[in-house]
N, C-alpha and C. Protein backbone atom coordinates (compact mmCIF):
# COMPACT_ATOMS: atom_id res chain seq x y z
N MET A 1 187.02 65.03 -23.47
CA MET A 1 188.01 65.28 -22.44
C MET A 1 189.02 66.07 -22.72
N GLU A 2 189.58 66.97 -21.94
CA GLU A 2 190.59 67.71 -22.32
C GLU A 2 192.02 67.49 -21.23
N ASN A 3 193.06 67.59 -21.75
CA ASN A 3 194.04 67.13 -21.01
C ASN A 3 194.65 68.25 -20.29
N ARG A 4 194.28 69.07 -19.27
CA ARG A 4 195.00 69.85 -18.52
C ARG A 4 195.91 69.20 -17.50
N PRO A 5 196.84 70.71 -17.39
CA PRO A 5 197.68 69.65 -16.05
C PRO A 5 196.86 70.40 -14.85
N ILE A 6 197.43 69.12 -14.07
CA ILE A 6 196.85 69.29 -12.54
C ILE A 6 197.53 70.50 -12.05
N GLU A 7 196.84 71.48 -11.67
CA GLU A 7 197.18 72.46 -10.32
C GLU A 7 197.45 72.10 -9.05
N THR A 8 198.30 72.09 -8.57
CA THR A 8 198.58 71.87 -7.41
C THR A 8 199.31 72.94 -6.19
N THR A 9 198.78 73.33 -5.42
CA THR A 9 199.14 74.63 -4.65
C THR A 9 200.29 73.54 -3.30
N GLN A 10 201.26 74.26 -3.23
CA GLN A 10 201.89 73.71 -2.09
C GLN A 10 202.37 75.07 -1.14
N ALA A 11 201.95 74.63 0.28
CA ALA A 11 202.42 75.70 1.05
C ALA A 11 203.82 75.95 0.91
N GLN A 12 204.14 77.36 0.99
CA GLN A 12 205.15 77.76 1.26
C GLN A 12 206.08 77.86 2.75
N PRO A 13 206.98 77.32 2.94
CA PRO A 13 207.50 77.47 4.28
C PRO A 13 207.50 79.02 4.89
N ALA A 14 207.50 79.12 5.95
CA ALA A 14 207.65 80.62 6.57
C ALA A 14 208.86 81.14 7.04
N VAL A 15 209.30 81.61 6.15
CA VAL A 15 210.85 81.88 6.24
C VAL A 15 210.74 83.22 7.11
N PRO A 16 211.41 83.28 8.44
CA PRO A 16 211.61 84.52 9.40
C PRO A 16 212.36 85.41 8.70
N ALA A 17 212.03 86.92 8.72
CA ALA A 17 212.72 87.99 8.39
C ALA A 17 214.24 88.17 9.23
N GLU A 18 215.08 88.23 8.32
CA GLU A 18 216.25 88.36 9.12
C GLU A 18 216.64 89.56 10.10
N ASP A 19 216.75 89.52 11.53
CA ASP A 19 216.78 90.64 12.45
C ASP A 19 218.45 91.57 11.85
N ALA A 20 218.58 92.60 12.01
CA ALA A 20 219.71 93.53 11.98
C ALA A 20 220.80 93.11 12.55
N GLU A 21 220.58 92.21 13.61
CA GLU A 21 221.75 91.76 14.16
C GLU A 21 222.47 90.49 13.31
N THR A 22 221.60 89.71 12.94
CA THR A 22 222.19 88.81 12.08
C THR A 22 222.59 88.64 10.67
N GLN A 23 222.34 90.06 10.20
CA GLN A 23 222.47 90.28 8.88
C GLN A 23 224.02 89.89 8.02
N GLY A 24 224.78 90.54 8.92
CA GLY A 24 226.48 90.40 8.69
C GLY A 24 226.80 89.26 8.98
N THR A 25 226.28 88.27 9.81
CA THR A 25 226.78 87.08 10.34
C THR A 25 227.28 85.84 9.11
N GLY A 26 226.83 86.08 8.17
CA GLY A 26 227.28 85.00 7.06
C GLY A 26 228.65 85.64 6.43
N ARG A 27 228.70 86.57 6.06
CA ARG A 27 229.92 87.60 5.75
C ARG A 27 231.01 87.35 6.65
N LEU A 28 230.56 87.61 7.83
CA LEU A 28 231.82 87.54 9.44
C LEU A 28 232.22 86.05 8.86
N THR A 29 231.25 85.42 8.94
CA THR A 29 231.74 83.94 9.29
C THR A 29 232.60 83.48 7.86
N GLU A 30 232.45 83.93 6.66
CA GLU A 30 233.09 84.04 5.43
C GLU A 30 234.66 84.16 5.48
N TYR A 31 234.85 85.45 6.39
CA TYR A 31 235.96 86.06 6.43
C TYR A 31 236.52 85.15 7.20
N ALA A 32 236.12 84.94 8.45
CA ALA A 32 236.73 84.07 9.41
C ALA A 32 237.28 82.95 8.64
N TRP A 33 236.83 82.12 7.93
CA TRP A 33 237.19 80.79 7.46
C TRP A 33 238.16 81.31 6.31
N ALA A 34 238.07 82.45 5.53
CA ALA A 34 239.35 83.06 4.57
C ALA A 34 240.23 82.94 5.11
N ILE A 35 240.29 83.94 6.56
CA ILE A 35 241.75 84.24 7.18
C ILE A 35 242.24 82.93 7.78
N LEU A 36 241.13 81.84 8.20
CA LEU A 36 242.22 80.79 8.65
C LEU A 36 242.44 80.08 7.91
N LEU A 37 242.13 79.83 6.71
CA LEU A 37 242.59 79.08 5.54
C LEU A 37 243.80 79.87 5.01
N ILE A 38 243.90 81.19 5.17
CA ILE A 38 245.22 81.66 4.78
C ILE A 38 246.22 81.55 5.61
N VAL A 39 246.09 81.64 7.15
CA VAL A 39 247.17 81.57 8.04
C VAL A 39 247.69 79.96 7.86
N VAL A 40 246.66 79.29 7.83
CA VAL A 40 247.22 77.67 7.77
C VAL A 40 248.02 77.31 6.71
N SER A 41 247.67 78.25 5.56
CA SER A 41 248.45 77.74 4.07
C SER A 41 249.91 78.57 4.39
N LEU A 42 249.75 79.65 4.93
CA LEU A 42 250.98 80.05 5.45
C LEU A 42 252.06 79.64 6.06
N TRP A 43 251.63 79.06 7.09
CA TRP A 43 252.11 77.77 8.46
C TRP A 43 252.56 76.71 7.43
N GLY A 44 251.60 76.19 6.71
CA GLY A 44 252.18 75.00 5.88
C GLY A 44 253.44 75.32 4.71
N ILE A 45 253.38 76.43 4.06
CA ILE A 45 254.12 76.72 3.29
C ILE A 45 255.87 77.07 3.99
N SER A 46 255.34 77.48 5.42
CA SER A 46 256.79 77.74 6.38
C SER A 46 257.13 76.51 6.57
N ILE A 47 256.59 75.41 6.64
CA ILE A 47 257.10 74.22 7.34
C ILE A 47 257.82 73.61 6.09
N LEU A 48 256.90 73.58 4.97
CA LEU A 48 257.76 73.21 3.25
C LEU A 48 258.89 73.99 3.24
N SER A 49 259.23 75.30 3.74
CA SER A 49 260.40 75.97 3.33
C SER A 49 261.49 75.76 4.08
N PHE A 50 261.44 75.79 5.76
CA PHE A 50 262.20 75.83 6.86
C PHE A 50 262.20 74.49 7.49
N GLY A 51 261.11 73.88 7.34
CA GLY A 51 261.22 72.16 8.20
C GLY A 51 260.49 72.64 9.71
N LEU A 52 261.54 71.77 10.44
CA LEU A 52 261.00 71.89 11.94
C LEU A 52 260.91 73.34 12.31
N PRO A 53 261.74 73.79 12.06
CA PRO A 53 261.67 75.57 12.92
C PRO A 53 260.54 76.34 12.29
N GLY A 54 260.03 76.11 11.15
CA GLY A 54 258.95 76.65 10.34
C GLY A 54 257.64 75.90 11.10
N LEU A 55 257.72 74.87 11.28
CA LEU A 55 256.72 74.50 12.56
C LEU A 55 256.48 75.32 13.95
N VAL A 56 257.83 75.26 14.70
CA VAL A 56 257.74 75.51 16.05
C VAL A 56 257.51 76.94 16.47
N VAL A 57 258.50 77.90 15.31
CA VAL A 57 258.63 79.17 15.75
C VAL A 57 257.52 80.12 15.56
N PRO A 58 256.61 80.02 14.58
CA PRO A 58 255.05 80.34 14.41
C PRO A 58 254.21 79.68 15.68
N ALA A 59 254.60 78.68 16.11
CA ALA A 59 253.89 78.22 17.73
C ALA A 59 254.24 78.93 18.54
N LEU A 60 255.38 79.27 18.54
CA LEU A 60 256.02 79.90 19.87
C LEU A 60 255.70 81.39 19.65
N VAL A 61 255.56 81.91 18.65
CA VAL A 61 255.24 83.63 18.31
C VAL A 61 253.50 83.33 19.12
N LEU A 62 252.79 82.31 18.72
CA LEU A 62 251.17 82.42 19.04
C LEU A 62 251.00 82.33 20.65
N LEU A 63 252.18 81.74 21.17
CA LEU A 63 251.86 81.31 22.42
C LEU A 63 251.35 82.30 23.37
N PRO A 64 252.21 83.67 23.60
CA PRO A 64 251.26 84.64 24.47
C PRO A 64 250.11 84.85 24.38
N GLY A 65 249.47 85.06 22.96
CA GLY A 65 248.41 85.18 22.77
C GLY A 65 247.38 84.45 22.84
N ILE A 66 247.89 82.87 22.86
CA ILE A 66 246.87 81.87 23.37
C ILE A 66 246.82 81.97 24.81
N PHE A 67 247.72 82.13 25.50
CA PHE A 67 247.83 82.04 26.60
C PHE A 67 246.74 83.12 27.55
N VAL A 68 246.77 84.43 27.07
CA VAL A 68 245.97 85.44 27.46
C VAL A 68 244.51 85.21 26.80
N LEU A 69 244.56 84.47 25.77
CA LEU A 69 243.03 84.05 25.64
C LEU A 69 242.12 83.17 26.52
N LEU A 70 243.24 82.02 26.71
CA LEU A 70 242.74 81.04 27.89
C LEU A 70 242.31 81.87 28.94
N LEU A 71 243.41 82.83 29.75
CA LEU A 71 243.00 83.61 30.83
C LEU A 71 241.63 84.32 30.47
N LEU A 72 241.32 84.98 29.64
CA LEU A 72 240.01 85.68 29.44
C LEU A 72 239.03 84.70 29.11
N ILE A 73 239.26 83.77 28.74
CA ILE A 73 237.81 82.43 28.80
C ILE A 73 237.76 82.33 30.01
N THR A 74 238.50 81.93 30.83
CA THR A 74 238.48 81.04 32.24
C THR A 74 237.86 82.23 33.00
N MET A 75 238.22 83.50 33.24
CA MET A 75 237.85 84.64 34.03
C MET A 75 236.36 85.10 33.65
N GLY A 76 235.97 84.67 32.53
CA GLY A 76 234.66 85.29 31.83
C GLY A 76 234.74 86.66 31.46
N GLY A 77 235.81 87.01 30.80
CA GLY A 77 235.92 88.04 30.22
C GLY A 77 235.81 88.41 28.82
């Protein structure tokens, strides 16, 4: 009797080919997370440096943009 390893074949899951539309999605997501991390870090540094004004002033600067964004979402545009 020979000691041969038992050969097993396992079915490989079918992986769908990426469409041209979804190829750049991963990199775009990485950039979005990186930008978010940078903005939050800078805001944190601002809070540590200036205290309460460092928290409030950036929020007040962002307010018009957030307001327009909410209007666009509400109107479906």
